[in-house]
Amino acid sequence: MPLTQLQAELRRRQGNVRRLERQRDRLLAKVQEFDKQILALGGHARGTGRKRPKNESNLAEALHKVLKGKTMGVTEVAQAVQDAGYQTTAENFRTIVNQCLIRHRKLFKKQSRGQYTSI
């Protein structure tokens, strides 16, 4: 590839960077204007976000306690661990529980399809 083509490509890309920077600056100015309007209406300019729940033990330990001496299905154990005080904000908590049961083979044994017990 000739040097002139490389230089032309470099200039083109630098032009794209400048265009994107200007576009970003315009969008940031709009966001600041929205923040001012929200504050004027008594709202908060920035969202607080979602707080992550604090649990005394990790999910595997909590599942191990709940399953000790019992055999349960994934849905049952997911509900039981929450009833025992484990907090989560996950929409797909049952799936997370299933993955945990499969991953921790030293803690859990699969009795039959979808049925697990604690070792």
PDB file of N, CA and C in Angstrom:
ATOM      1  N   MET A   1       0.855  -1.172   0.000  1.00  0.00           N
ATOM      2  CA  MET A   1       0.000   0.000   0.000  1.00  0.00           C
ATOM      3  C   MET A   1       0.903   1.237   0.000  1.00  0.00           C
ATOM      4  N   PRO A   2       0.694   2.125  -0.931  1.00  0.00           N
ATOM      5  CA  PRO A   2       1.533   3.322  -1.027  1.00  0.00           C
ATOM      6  C   PRO A   2       1.352   4.246   0.177  1.00  0.00           C
ATOM      7  N   LEU A   3       2.376   5.018   0.439  1.00  0.00           N
ATOM      8  CA  LEU A   3       2.382   5.941   1.569  1.00  0.00           C
ATOM      9  C   LEU A   3       1.258   6.968   1.456  1.00  0.00           C
ATOM     10  N   THR A   4       0.975   7.422   0.265  1.00  0.00           N
ATOM     11  CA  THR A   4      -0.084   8.428   0.088  1.00  0.00           C
ATOM     12  C   THR A   4      -1.449   7.874   0.491  1.00  0.00           C
ATOM     13  N   GLN A   5      -1.690   6.607   0.207  1.00  0.00           N
ATOM     14  CA  GLN A   5      -2.963   5.993   0.603  1.00  0.00           C
ATOM     15  C   GLN A   5      -3.048   5.865   2.122  1.00  0.00           C
ATOM     16  N   LEU A   6      -1.946   5.498   2.750  1.00  0.00           N
ATOM     17  CA  LEU A   6      -1.922   5.391   4.210  1.00  0.00           C
ATOM     18  C   LEU A   6      -2.181   6.745   4.861  1.00  0.00           C
ATOM     19  N   GLN A   7      -1.557   7.791   4.314  1.00  0.00           N
ATOM     20  CA  GLN A   7      -1.758   9.130   4.857  1.00  0.00           C
ATOM     21  C   GLN A   7      -3.210   9.579   4.671  1.00  0.00           C
ATOM     22  N   ALA A   8      -3.795   9.264   3.526  1.00  0.00           N
ATOM     23  CA  ALA A   8      -5.193   9.626   3.271  1.00  0.00           C
ATOM     24  C   ALA A   8      -6.118   8.898   4.251  1.00  0.00           C
ATOM     25  N   GLU A   9      -5.848   7.632   4.501  1.00  0.00           N
ATOM     26  CA  GLU A   9      -6.654   6.855   5.451  1.00  0.00           C
ATOM     27  C   GLU A   9      -6.523   7.419   6.859  1.00  0.00           C
ATOM     28  N   LEU A  10      -5.324   7.814   7.232  1.00  0.00           N
ATOM     29  CA  LEU A  10      -5.100   8.408   8.550  1.00  0.00           C
ATOM     30  C   LEU A  10      -5.883   9.718   8.700  1.00  0.00           C
ATOM     31  N   ARG A  11      -5.856  10.571   7.669  1.00  0.00           N
ATOM     32  CA  ARG A  11      -6.615  11.831   7.707  1.00  0.00           C
ATOM     33  C   ARG A  11      -8.116  11.557   7.810  1.00  0.00           C
ATOM     34  N   ARG A  12      -8.598  10.550   7.075  1.00  0.00           N
ATOM     35  CA  ARG A  12     -10.015  10.205   7.110  1.00  0.00           C
ATOM     36  C   ARG A  12     -10.425   9.771   8.516  1.00  0.00           C
ATOM     37  N   ARG A  13      -9.615   8.935   9.137  1.00  0.00           N
ATOM     38  CA  ARG A  13      -9.934   8.448  10.484  1.00  0.00           C
ATOM     39  C   ARG A  13      -9.874   9.570  11.517  1.00  0.00           C
ATOM     40  N   GLN A  14      -8.901  10.478  11.374  1.00  0.00           N
ATOM     41  CA  GLN A  14      -8.814  11.609  12.298  1.00  0.00           C
ATOM     42  C   GLN A  14     -10.034  12.509  12.150  1.00  0.00           C
ATOM     43  N   GLY A  15     -10.516  12.654  10.927  1.00  0.00           N
ATOM     44  CA  GLY A  15     -11.732  13.428  10.693  1.00  0.00           C
ATOM     45  C   GLY A  15     -12.933  12.771  11.365  1.00  0.00           C
ATOM     46  N   ASN A  16     -12.992  11.446  11.316  1.00  0.00           N
ATOM     47  CA  ASN A  16     -14.077  10.727  11.986  1.00  0.00           C
ATOM     48  C   ASN A  16     -14.015  10.924  13.492  1.00  0.00           C
ATOM     49  N   VAL A  17     -12.811  10.930  14.039  1.00  0.00           N
ATOM     50  CA  VAL A  17     -12.654  11.130  15.484  1.00  0.00           C
ATOM     51  C   VAL A  17     -13.171  12.509  15.871  1.00  0.00           C
ATOM     52  N   ARG A  18     -12.787  13.523  15.118  1.00  0.00           N
ATOM     53  CA  ARG A  18     -13.244  14.889  15.420  1.00  0.00           C
ATOM     54  C   ARG A  18     -14.768  14.992  15.314  1.00  0.00           C
ATOM     55  N   ARG A  19     -15.350  14.351  14.299  1.00  0.00           N
ATOM     56  CA  ARG A  19     -16.799  14.375  14.123  1.00  0.00           C
ATOM     57  C   ARG A  19     -17.489  13.695  15.306  1.00  0.00           C
ATOM     58  N   LEU A  20     -16.976  12.560  15.742  1.00  0.00           N
ATOM     59  CA  LEU A  20     -17.562  11.850  16.882  1.00  0.00           C
ATOM     60  C   LEU A  20     -17.407  12.638  18.180  1.00  0.00           C
ATOM     61  N   GLU A  21     -16.276  13.322  18.343  1.00  0.00           N
ATOM     62  CA  GLU A  21     -16.082  14.148  19.541  1.00  0.00           C
ATOM     63  C   GLU A  21     -17.089  15.295  19.583  1.00  0.00           C
ATOM     64  N   ARG A  22     -17.335  15.925  18.446  1.00  0.00           N
ATOM     65  CA  ARG A  22     -18.333  17.006  18.396  1.00  0.00           C
ATOM     66  C   ARG A  22     -19.724  16.466  18.711  1.00  0.00           C
ATOM     67  N   GLN A  23     -20.033  15.307  18.152  1.00  0.00           N
ATOM     68  CA  GLN A  23     -21.336  14.688  18.411  1.00  0.00           C
ATOM     69  C   GLN A  23     -21.490  14.352  19.895  1.00  0.00           C
ATOM     70  N   ARG A  24     -20.434  13.824  20.506  1.00  0.00           N
ATOM     71  CA  ARG A  24     -20.455  13.507  21.936  1.00  0.00           C
ATOM     72  C   ARG A  24     -20.682  14.767  22.765  1.00  0.00           C
ATOM     73  N   ASP A  25     -19.994  15.845  22.414  1.00  0.00           N
ATOM     74  CA  ASP A  25     -20.144  17.107  23.149  1.00  0.00           C
ATOM     75  C   ASP A  25     -21.576  17.631  23.063  1.00  0.00           C
ATOM     76  N   ARG A  26     -22.185  17.527  21.871  1.00  0.00           N
ATOM     77  CA  ARG A  26     -23.581  17.968  21.729  1.00  0.00           C
ATOM     78  C   ARG A  26     -24.509  17.121  22.598  1.00  0.00           C
ATOM     79  N   LEU A  27     -24.300  15.815  22.612  1.00  0.00           N
ATOM     80  CA  LEU A  27     -25.145  14.930  23.414  1.00  0.00           C
ATOM     81  C   LEU A  27     -24.965  15.180  24.907  1.00  0.00           C
ATOM     82  N   LEU A  28     -23.727  15.419  25.339  1.00  0.00           N
ATOM     83  CA  LEU A  28     -23.488  15.728  26.755  1.00  0.00           C
ATOM     84  C   LEU A  28     -24.176  17.027  27.159  1.00  0.00           C
ATOM     85  N   ALA A  29     -24.183  18.000  26.258  1.00  0.00           N
ATOM     86  CA  ALA A  29     -24.874  19.262  26.542  1.00  0.00           C
ATOM     87  C   ALA A  29     -26.374  19.019  26.700  1.00  0.00           C
ATOM     88  N   LYS A  30     -26.939  18.139  25.876  1.00  0.00           N
ATOM     89  CA  LYS A  30     -28.362  17.806  25.998  1.00  0.00           C
ATOM     90  C   LYS A  30     -28.648  17.117  27.330  1.00  0.00           C
ATOM     91  N   VAL A  31     -27.776  16.201  27.720  1.00  0.00           N
ATOM     92  CA  VAL A  31     -27.953  15.497  28.995  1.00  0.00           C
ATOM     93  C   VAL A  31     -27.909  16.491  30.149  1.00  0.00           C
ATOM     94  N   GLN A  32     -26.987  17.433  30.105  1.00  0.00           N
ATOM     95  CA  GLN A  32     -26.907  18.449  31.159  1.00  0.00           C
ATOM     96  C   GLN A  32     -28.178  19.286  31.206  1.00  0.00           C
ATOM     97  N   GLU A  33     -28.740  19.587  30.047  1.00  0.00           N
ATOM     98  CA  GLU A  33     -29.997  20.347  30.003  1.00  0.00           C
ATOM     99  C   GLU A  33     -31.135  19.529  30.620  1.00  0.00           C
ATOM    100  N   PHE A  34     -31.174  18.242  30.318  1.00  0.00           N
ATOM    101  CA  PHE A  34     -32.186  17.371  30.927  1.00  0.00           C
ATOM    102  C   PHE A  34     -32.021  17.327  32.441  1.00  0.00           C
ATOM    103  N   ASP A  35     -30.780  17.232  32.901  1.00  0.00           N
ATOM    104  CA  ASP A  35     -30.517  17.208  34.345  1.00  0.00           C
ATOM    105  C   ASP A  35     -31.034  18.480  35.016  1.00  0.00           C
ATOM    106  N   LYS A  36     -30.812  19.626  34.375  1.00  0.00           N
ATOM    107  CA  LYS A  36     -31.302  20.900  34.928  1.00  0.00           C
ATOM    108  C   LYS A  36     -32.824  20.892  35.028  1.00  0.00           C
ATOM    109  N   GLN A  37     -33.489  20.402  33.992  1.00  0.00           N
ATOM    110  CA  GLN A  37     -34.951  20.355  33.994  1.00  0.00           C
ATOM    111  C   GLN A  37     -35.468  19.406  35.075  1.00  0.00           C
ATOM    112  N   ILE A  38     -34.818  18.272  35.226  1.00  0.00           N
ATOM    113  CA  ILE A  38     -35.220  17.299  36.249  1.00  0.00           C
ATOM    114  C   ILE A  38     -35.063  17.904  37.636  1.00  0.00           C
ATOM    115  N   LEU A  39     -33.929  18.571  37.879  1.00  0.00           N
ATOM    116  CA  LEU A  39     -33.708  19.222  39.175  1.00  0.00           C
ATOM    117  C   LEU A  39     -34.747  20.308  39.435  1.00  0.00           C
ATOM    118  N   ALA A  40     -35.087  21.072  38.400  1.00  0.00           N
ATOM    119  CA  ALA A  40     -36.073  22.141  38.549  1.00  0.00           C
ATOM    120  C   ALA A  40     -37.449  21.587  38.923  1.00  0.00           C
ATOM    121  N   LEU A  41     -37.727  20.358  38.500  1.00  0.00           N
ATOM    122  CA  LEU A  41     -39.011  19.725  38.807  1.00  0.00           C
ATOM    123  C   LEU A  41     -38.975  18.954  40.124  1.00  0.00           C
ATOM    124  N   GLY A  42     -37.849  19.016  40.827  1.00  0.00           N
ATOM    125  CA  GLY A  42     -37.737  18.381  42.137  1.00  0.00           C
ATOM    126  C   GLY A  42     -37.204  16.967  42.113  1.00  0.00           C
ATOM    127  N   GLY A  43     -36.742  16.508  40.972  1.00  0.00           N
ATOM    128  CA  GLY A  43     -36.196  15.153  40.876  1.00  0.00           C
ATOM    129  C   GLY A  43     -34.703  15.134  41.113  1.00  0.00           C
ATOM    130  N   HIS A  44     -34.134  13.972  40.980  1.00  0.00           N
ATOM    131  CA  HIS A  44     -32.685  13.799  41.111  1.00  0.00           C
ATOM    132  C   HIS A  44     -32.085  13.695  39.718  1.00  0.00           C
ATOM    133  N   ALA A  45     -30.982  14.356  39.518  1.00  0.00           N
ATOM    134  CA  ALA A  45     -30.365  14.387  38.196  1.00  0.00           C
ATOM    135  C   ALA A  45     -29.771  13.039  37.817  1.00  0.00           C
ATOM    136  N   ARG A  46     -29.318  12.313  38.755  1.00  0.00           N
ATOM    137  CA  ARG A  46     -28.708  11.012  38.488  1.00  0.00           C
ATOM    138  C   ARG A  46     -29.471   9.941  39.239  1.00  0.00           C
ATOM    139  N   GLY A  47     -29.662   8.807  38.587  1.00  0.00           N
ATOM    140  CA  GLY A  47     -30.313   7.675  39.245  1.00  0.00           C
ATOM    141  C   GLY A  47     -29.410   7.094  40.315  1.00  0.00           C
ATOM    142  N   THR A  48     -30.005   6.500  41.308  1.00  0.00           N
ATOM    143  CA  THR A  48     -29.213   5.931  42.395  1.00  0.00           C
ATOM    144  C   THR A  48     -28.714   4.539  42.054  1.00  0.00           C
ATOM    145  N   GLY A  49     -29.325   3.901  41.082  1.00  0.00           N
ATOM    146  CA  GLY A  49     -28.908   2.562  40.721  1.00  0.00           C
ATOM    147  C   GLY A  49     -29.489   1.534  41.668  1.00  0.00           C
ATOM    148  N   ARG A  50     -29.199   0.298  41.403  1.00  0.00           N
ATOM    149  CA  ARG A  50     -29.744  -0.786  42.191  1.00  0.00           C
ATOM    150  C   ARG A  50     -28.709  -1.229  43.204  1.00  0.00           C
ATOM    151  N   LYS A  51     -29.130  -1.411  44.429  1.00  0.00           N
ATOM    152  CA  LYS A  51     -28.227  -1.865  45.483  1.00  0.00           C
ATOM    153  C   LYS A  51     -28.124  -3.384  45.438  1.00  0.00           C
ATOM    154  N   ARG A  52     -26.926  -3.886  45.578  1.00  0.00           N
ATOM    155  CA  ARG A  52     -26.703  -5.322  45.608  1.00  0.00           C
ATOM    156  C   ARG A  52     -26.945  -5.809  47.025  1.00  0.00           C
ATOM    157  N   PRO A  53     -27.788  -6.847  47.176  1.00  0.00           N
ATOM    158  CA  PRO A  53     -28.067  -7.336  48.527  1.00  0.00           C
ATOM    159  C   PRO A  53     -26.826  -7.940  49.175  1.00  0.00           C
ATOM    160  N   LYS A  54     -26.734  -7.797  50.488  1.00  0.00           N
ATOM    161  CA  LYS A  54     -25.627  -8.375  51.252  1.00  0.00           C
ATOM    162  C   LYS A  54     -26.135  -9.633  51.940  1.00  0.00           C
ATOM    163  N   ASN A  55     -25.479 -10.739  51.695  1.00  0.00           N
ATOM    164  CA  ASN A  55     -25.839 -12.004  52.314  1.00  0.00           C
ATOM    165  C   ASN A  55     -24.715 -12.454  53.237  1.00  0.00           C
ATOM    166  N   GLU A  56     -25.081 -13.189  54.274  1.00  0.00           N
ATOM    167  CA  GLU A  56     -24.081 -13.671  55.227  1.00  0.00           C
ATOM    168  C   GLU A  56     -23.182 -14.732  54.607  1.00  0.00           C
ATOM    169  N   SER A  57     -23.716 -15.517  53.672  1.00  0.00           N
ATOM    170  CA  SER A  57     -22.922 -16.559  53.027  1.00  0.00           C
ATOM    171  C   SER A  57     -23.163 -16.508  51.525  1.00  0.00           C
ATOM    172  N   ASN A  58     -22.297 -17.183  50.785  1.00  0.00           N
ATOM    173  CA  ASN A  58     -22.500 -17.207  49.341  1.00  0.00           C
ATOM    174  C   ASN A  58     -23.617 -18.194  48.997  1.00  0.00           C
ATOM    175  N   LEU A  59     -24.020 -18.214  47.742  1.00  0.00           N
ATOM    176  CA  LEU A  59     -25.164 -19.021  47.333  1.00  0.00           C
ATOM    177  C   LEU A  59     -24.917 -20.509  47.556  1.00  0.00           C
ATOM    178  N   ALA A  60     -23.724 -20.993  47.249  1.00  0.00           N
ATOM    179  CA  ALA A  60     -23.433 -22.418  47.416  1.00  0.00           C
ATOM    180  C   ALA A  60     -23.577 -22.837  48.876  1.00  0.00           C
ATOM    181  N   GLU A  61     -23.065 -22.033  49.796  1.00  0.00           N
ATOM    182  CA  GLU A  61     -23.181 -22.355  51.224  1.00  0.00           C
ATOM    183  C   GLU A  61     -24.635 -22.327  51.674  1.00  0.00           C
ATOM    184  N   ALA A  62     -25.386 -21.340  51.211  1.00  0.00           N
ATOM    185  CA  ALA A  62     -26.799 -21.235  51.581  1.00  0.00           C
ATOM    186  C   ALA A  62     -27.588 -22.426  51.045  1.00  0.00           C
ATOM    187  N   LEU A  63     -27.311 -22.834  49.815  1.00  0.00           N
ATOM    188  CA  LEU A  63     -27.981 -24.004  49.243  1.00  0.00           C
ATOM    189  C   LEU A  63     -27.616 -25.269  50.008  1.00  0.00           C
ATOM    190  N   HIS A  64     -26.351 -25.377  50.402  1.00  0.00           N
ATOM    191  CA  HIS A  64     -25.883 -26.551  51.145  1.00  0.00           C
ATOM    192  C   HIS A  64     -26.636 -26.686  52.466  1.00  0.00           C
ATOM    193  N   LYS A  65     -26.839 -25.580  53.165  1.00  0.00           N
ATOM    194  CA  LYS A  65     -27.580 -25.608  54.432  1.00  0.00           C
ATOM    195  C   LYS A  65     -29.028 -26.028  54.218  1.00  0.00           C
ATOM    196  N   VAL A  66     -29.652 -25.481  53.189  1.00  0.00           N
ATOM    197  CA  VAL A  66     -31.068 -25.770  52.926  1.00  0.00           C
ATOM    198  C   VAL A  66     -31.268 -27.225  52.507  1.00  0.00           C
ATOM    199  N   LEU A  67     -30.335 -27.777  51.736  1.00  0.00           N
ATOM    200  CA  LEU A  67     -30.484 -29.136  51.213  1.00  0.00           C
ATOM    201  C   LEU A  67     -29.994 -30.223  52.162  1.00  0.00           C
ATOM    202  N   LYS A  68     -29.391 -29.857  53.265  1.00  0.00           N
ATOM    203  CA  LYS A  68     -28.814 -30.848  54.180  1.00  0.00           C
ATOM    204  C   LYS A  68     -29.898 -31.839  54.621  1.00  0.00           C
ATOM    205  N   GLY A  69     -29.721 -33.120  54.251  1.00  0.00           N
ATOM    206  CA  GLY A  69     -30.657 -34.176  54.632  1.00  0.00           C
ATOM    207  C   GLY A  69     -31.941 -34.198  53.826  1.00  0.00           C
ATOM    208  N   LYS A  70     -32.024 -33.420  52.761  1.00  0.00           N
ATOM    209  CA  LYS A  70     -33.242 -33.353  51.954  1.00  0.00           C
ATOM    210  C   LYS A  70     -32.901 -33.509  50.477  1.00  0.00           C
ATOM    211  N   THR A  71     -33.899 -33.900  49.704  1.00  0.00           N
ATOM    212  CA  THR A  71     -33.796 -33.913  48.251  1.00  0.00           C
ATOM    213  C   THR A  71     -34.886 -33.000  47.724  1.00  0.00           C
ATOM    214  N   MET A  72     -34.487 -32.054  46.887  1.00  0.00           N
ATOM    215  CA  MET A  72     -35.440 -31.070  46.356  1.00  0.00           C
ATOM    216  C   MET A  72     -35.175 -30.805  44.884  1.00  0.00           C
ATOM    217  N   GLY A  73     -36.208 -30.297  44.233  1.00  0.00           N
ATOM    218  CA  GLY A  73     -36.072 -29.827  42.867  1.00  0.00           C
ATOM    219  C   GLY A  73     -35.474 -28.429  42.859  1.00  0.00           C
ATOM    220  N   VAL A  74     -35.049 -28.000  41.700  1.00  0.00           N
ATOM    221  CA  VAL A  74     -34.382 -26.701  41.579  1.00  0.00           C
ATOM    222  C   VAL A  74     -35.313 -25.562  41.992  1.00  0.00           C
ATOM    223  N   THR A  75     -36.549 -25.593  41.540  1.00  0.00           N
ATOM    224  CA  THR A  75     -37.496 -24.532  41.888  1.00  0.00           C
ATOM    225  C   THR A  75     -37.749 -24.506  43.386  1.00  0.00           C
ATOM    226  N   GLU A  76     -37.908 -25.689  43.982  1.00  0.00           N
ATOM    227  CA  GLU A  76     -38.155 -25.782  45.425  1.00  0.00           C
ATOM    228  C   GLU A  76     -36.984 -25.228  46.226  1.00  0.00           C
ATOM    229  N   VAL A  77     -35.783 -25.622  45.850  1.00  0.00           N
ATOM    230  CA  VAL A  77     -34.610 -25.186  46.607  1.00  0.00           C
ATOM    231  C   VAL A  77     -34.370 -23.687  46.412  1.00  0.00           C
ATOM    232  N   ALA A  78     -34.675 -23.159  45.231  1.00  0.00           N
ATOM    233  CA  ALA A  78     -34.531 -21.716  44.999  1.00  0.00           C
ATOM    234  C   ALA A  78     -35.466 -20.943  45.928  1.00  0.00           C
ATOM    235  N   GLN A  79     -36.693 -21.425  46.073  1.00  0.00           N
ATOM    236  CA  GLN A  79     -37.644 -20.772  46.968  1.00  0.00           C
ATOM    237  C   GLN A  79     -37.235 -20.959  48.426  1.00  0.00           C
ATOM    238  N   ALA A  80     -36.776 -22.167  48.772  1.00  0.00           N
ATOM    239  CA  ALA A  80     -36.392 -22.460  50.157  1.00  0.00           C
ATOM    240  C   ALA A  80     -35.210 -21.607  50.608  1.00  0.00           C
ATOM    241  N   VAL A  81     -34.243 -21.399  49.731  1.00  0.00           N
ATOM    242  CA  VAL A  81     -33.070 -20.614  50.110  1.00  0.00           C
ATOM    243  C   VAL A  81     -33.461 -19.144  50.306  1.00  0.00           C
ATOM    244  N   GLN A  82     -34.412 -18.661  49.528  1.00  0.00           N
ATOM    245  CA  GLN A  82     -34.894 -17.292  49.729  1.00  0.00           C
ATOM    246  C   GLN A  82     -35.712 -17.202  51.017  1.00  0.00           C
ATOM    247  N   ASP A  83     -36.509 -18.223  51.295  1.00  0.00           N
ATOM    248  CA  ASP A  83     -37.284 -18.253  52.538  1.00  0.00           C
ATOM    249  C   ASP A  83     -36.365 -18.289  53.756  1.00  0.00           C
ATOM    250  N   ALA A  84     -35.170 -18.874  53.576  1.00  0.00           N
ATOM    251  CA  ALA A  84     -34.199 -18.960  54.670  1.00  0.00           C
ATOM    252  C   ALA A  84     -33.426 -17.655  54.862  1.00  0.00           C
ATOM    253  N   GLY A  85     -33.693 -16.653  54.004  1.00  0.00           N
ATOM    254  CA  GLY A  85     -33.070 -15.350  54.205  1.00  0.00           C
ATOM    255  C   GLY A  85     -32.082 -14.920  53.142  1.00  0.00           C
ATOM    256  N   TYR A  86     -31.801 -15.772  52.160  1.00  0.00           N
ATOM    257  CA  TYR A  86     -30.878 -15.377  51.094  1.00  0.00           C
ATOM    258  C   TYR A  86     -31.579 -14.340  50.221  1.00  0.00           C
ATOM    259  N   GLN A  87     -30.918 -13.205  49.998  1.00  0.00           N
ATOM    260  CA  GLN A  87     -31.511 -12.115  49.224  1.00  0.00           C
ATOM    261  C   GLN A  87     -30.915 -12.067  47.827  1.00  0.00           C
ATOM    262  N   THR A  88     -31.773 -11.808  46.851  1.00  0.00           N
ATOM    263  CA  THR A  88     -31.331 -11.679  45.470  1.00  0.00           C
ATOM    264  C   THR A  88     -32.241 -10.711  44.738  1.00  0.00           C
ATOM    265  N   THR A  89     -31.702 -10.073  43.716  1.00  0.00           N
ATOM    266  CA  THR A  89     -32.514  -9.226  42.847  1.00  0.00           C
ATOM    267  C   THR A  89     -32.560  -9.813  41.441  1.00  0.00           C
ATOM    268  N   ALA A  90     -32.026 -11.017  41.276  1.00  0.00           N
ATOM    269  CA  ALA A  90     -31.952 -11.646  39.960  1.00  0.00           C
ATOM    270  C   ALA A  90     -33.340 -12.035  39.464  1.00  0.00           C
ATOM    271  N   GLU A  91     -33.609 -11.723  38.209  1.00  0.00           N
ATOM    272  CA  GLU A  91     -34.871 -12.134  37.600  1.00  0.00           C
ATOM    273  C   GLU A  91     -34.851 -13.626  37.290  1.00  0.00           C
ATOM    274  N   ASN A  92     -33.673 -14.171  37.043  1.00  0.00           N
ATOM    275  CA  ASN A  92     -33.527 -15.570  36.665  1.00  0.00           C
ATOM    276  C   ASN A  92     -32.856 -16.368  37.788  1.00  0.00           C
ATOM    277  N   PHE A  93     -33.294 -16.168  39.012  1.00  0.00           N
ATOM    278  CA  PHE A  93     -32.639 -16.788  40.165  1.00  0.00           C
ATOM    279  C   PHE A  93     -32.650 -18.310  40.078  1.00  0.00           C
ATOM    280  N   ARG A  94     -33.740 -18.900  39.585  1.00  0.00           N
ATOM    281  CA  ARG A  94     -33.820 -20.355  39.464  1.00  0.00           C
ATOM    282  C   ARG A  94     -32.677 -20.880  38.577  1.00  0.00           C
ATOM    283  N   THR A  95     -32.391 -20.183  37.495  1.00  0.00           N
ATOM    284  CA  THR A  95     -31.303 -20.578  36.596  1.00  0.00           C
ATOM    285  C   THR A  95     -29.957 -20.479  37.300  1.00  0.00           C
ATOM    286  N   ILE A  96     -29.769 -19.439  38.081  1.00  0.00           N
ATOM    287  CA  ILE A  96     -28.517 -19.259  38.819  1.00  0.00           C
ATOM    288  C   ILE A  96     -28.345 -20.379  39.838  1.00  0.00           C
ATOM    289  N   VAL A  97     -29.436 -20.739  40.519  1.00  0.00           N
ATOM    290  CA  VAL A  97     -29.396 -21.847  41.482  1.00  0.00           C
ATOM    291  C   VAL A  97     -29.030 -23.137  40.764  1.00  0.00           C
ATOM    292  N   ASN A  98     -29.642 -23.392  39.620  1.00  0.00           N
ATOM    293  CA  ASN A  98     -29.351 -24.605  38.855  1.00  0.00           C
ATOM    294  C   ASN A  98     -27.873 -24.666  38.465  1.00  0.00           C
ATOM    295  N   GLN A  99     -27.324 -23.555  38.005  1.00  0.00           N
ATOM    296  CA  GLN A  99     -25.906 -23.513  37.636  1.00  0.00           C
ATOM    297  C   GLN A  99     -25.023 -23.791  38.845  1.00  0.00           C
ATOM    298  N   CYS A 100     -25.394 -23.247  39.989  1.00  0.00           N
ATOM    299  CA  CYS A 100     -24.618 -23.444  41.214  1.00  0.00           C
ATOM    300  C   CYS A 100     -24.637 -24.913  41.628  1.00  0.00           C
ATOM    301  N   LEU A 101     -25.800 -25.547  41.537  1.00  0.00           N
ATOM    302  CA  LEU A 101     -25.919 -26.963  41.903  1.00  0.00           C
ATOM    303  C   LEU A 101     -25.076 -27.840  40.980  1.00  0.00           C
ATOM    304  N   ILE A 102     -25.058 -27.516  39.708  1.00  0.00           N
ATOM    305  CA  ILE A 102     -24.283 -28.292  38.736  1.00  0.00           C
ATOM    306  C   ILE A 102     -22.787 -28.058  38.930  1.00  0.00           C
ATOM    307  N   ARG A 103     -22.390 -26.824  39.176  1.00  0.00           N
ATOM    308  CA  ARG A 103     -20.978 -26.453  39.265  1.00  0.00           C
ATOM    309  C   ARG A 103     -20.293 -27.013  40.512  1.00  0.00           C
ATOM    310  N   HIS A 104     -20.985 -27.054  41.632  1.00  0.00           N
ATOM    311  CA  HIS A 104     -20.370 -27.462  42.896  1.00  0.00           C
ATOM    312  C   HIS A 104     -20.643 -28.939  43.179  1.00  0.00           C
ATOM    313  N   ARG A 105     -19.946 -29.797  42.460  1.00  0.00           N
ATOM    314  CA  ARG A 105     -20.150 -31.247  42.578  1.00  0.00           C
ATOM    315  C   ARG A 105     -19.694 -31.801  43.917  1.00  0.00           C
ATOM    316  N   LYS A 106     -18.809 -31.091  44.597  1.00  0.00           N
ATOM    317  CA  LYS A 106     -18.334 -31.564  45.905  1.00  0.00           C
ATOM    318  C   LYS A 106     -19.359 -31.282  47.004  1.00  0.00           C
ATOM    319  N   LEU A 107     -20.291 -30.377  46.746  1.00  0.00           N
ATOM    320  CA  LEU A 107     -21.298 -30.020  47.745  1.00  0.00           C
ATOM    321  C   LEU A 107     -22.654 -30.669  47.481  1.00  0.00           C
ATOM    322  N   PHE A 108     -22.961 -30.922  46.202  1.00  0.00           N
ATOM    323  CA  PHE A 108     -24.295 -31.393  45.840  1.00  0.00           C
ATOM    324  C   PHE A 108     -24.226 -32.636  44.966  1.00  0.00           C
ATOM    325  N   LYS A 109     -25.231 -33.494  45.145  1.00  0.00           N
ATOM    326  CA  LYS A 109     -25.315 -34.710  44.343  1.00  0.00           C
ATOM    327  C   LYS A 109     -26.663 -34.720  43.641  1.00  0.00           C
ATOM    328  N   LYS A 110     -26.644 -35.054  42.362  1.00  0.00           N
ATOM    329  CA  LYS A 110     -27.875 -35.142  41.586  1.00  0.00           C
ATOM    330  C   LYS A 110     -28.488 -36.515  41.840  1.00  0.00           C
ATOM    331  N   GLN A 111     -29.679 -36.551  42.419  1.00  0.00           N
ATOM    332  CA  GLN A 111     -30.357 -37.804  42.740  1.00  0.00           C
ATOM    333  C   GLN A 111     -31.067 -38.361  41.509  1.00  0.00           C
ATOM    334  N   SER A 112     -31.766 -37.500  40.817  1.00  0.00           N
ATOM    335  CA  SER A 112     -32.454 -37.849  39.581  1.00  0.00           C
ATOM    336  C   SER A 112     -32.610 -36.554  38.790  1.00  0.00           C
ATOM    337  N   ARG A 113     -33.328 -36.627  37.696  1.00  0.00           N
ATOM    338  CA  ARG A 113     -33.453 -35.443  36.847  1.00  0.00           C
ATOM    339  C   ARG A 113     -34.080 -34.283  37.625  1.00  0.00           C
ATOM    340  N   GLY A 114     -33.297 -33.212  37.807  1.00  0.00           N
ATOM    341  CA  GLY A 114     -33.773 -32.014  38.478  1.00  0.00           C
ATOM    342  C   GLY A 114     -33.873 -32.117  39.986  1.00  0.00           C
ATOM    343  N   GLN A 115     -33.423 -33.211  40.570  1.00  0.00           N
ATOM    344  CA  GLN A 115     -33.502 -33.419  42.016  1.00  0.00           C
ATOM    345  C   GLN A 115     -32.087 -33.470  42.590  1.00  0.00           C
ATOM    346  N   TYR A 116     -31.840 -32.653  43.603  1.00  0.00           N
ATOM    347  CA  TYR A 116     -30.503 -32.557  44.191  1.00  0.00           C
ATOM    348  C   TYR A 116     -30.568 -32.731  45.696  1.00  0.00           C
ATOM    349  N   THR A 117     -29.441 -33.180  46.249  1.00  0.00           N
ATOM    350  CA  THR A 117     -29.287 -33.284  47.691  1.00  0.00           C
ATOM    351  C   THR A 117     -27.903 -32.783  48.066  1.00  0.00           C
ATOM    352  N   SER A 118     -27.739 -32.498  49.339  1.00  0.00           N
ATOM    353  CA  SER A 118     -26.456 -32.021  49.851  1.00  0.00           C
ATOM    354  C   SER A 118     -25.596 -33.217  50.230  1.00  0.00           C
ATOM    355  N   ILE A 119     -24.309 -33.132  49.974  1.00  0.00           N
ATOM    356  CA  ILE A 119     -23.382 -34.226  50.328  1.00  0.00           C
ATOM    357  C   ILE A 119     -22.826 -33.972  51.713  1.00  0.00           C
TER     358      ILE A 119
END
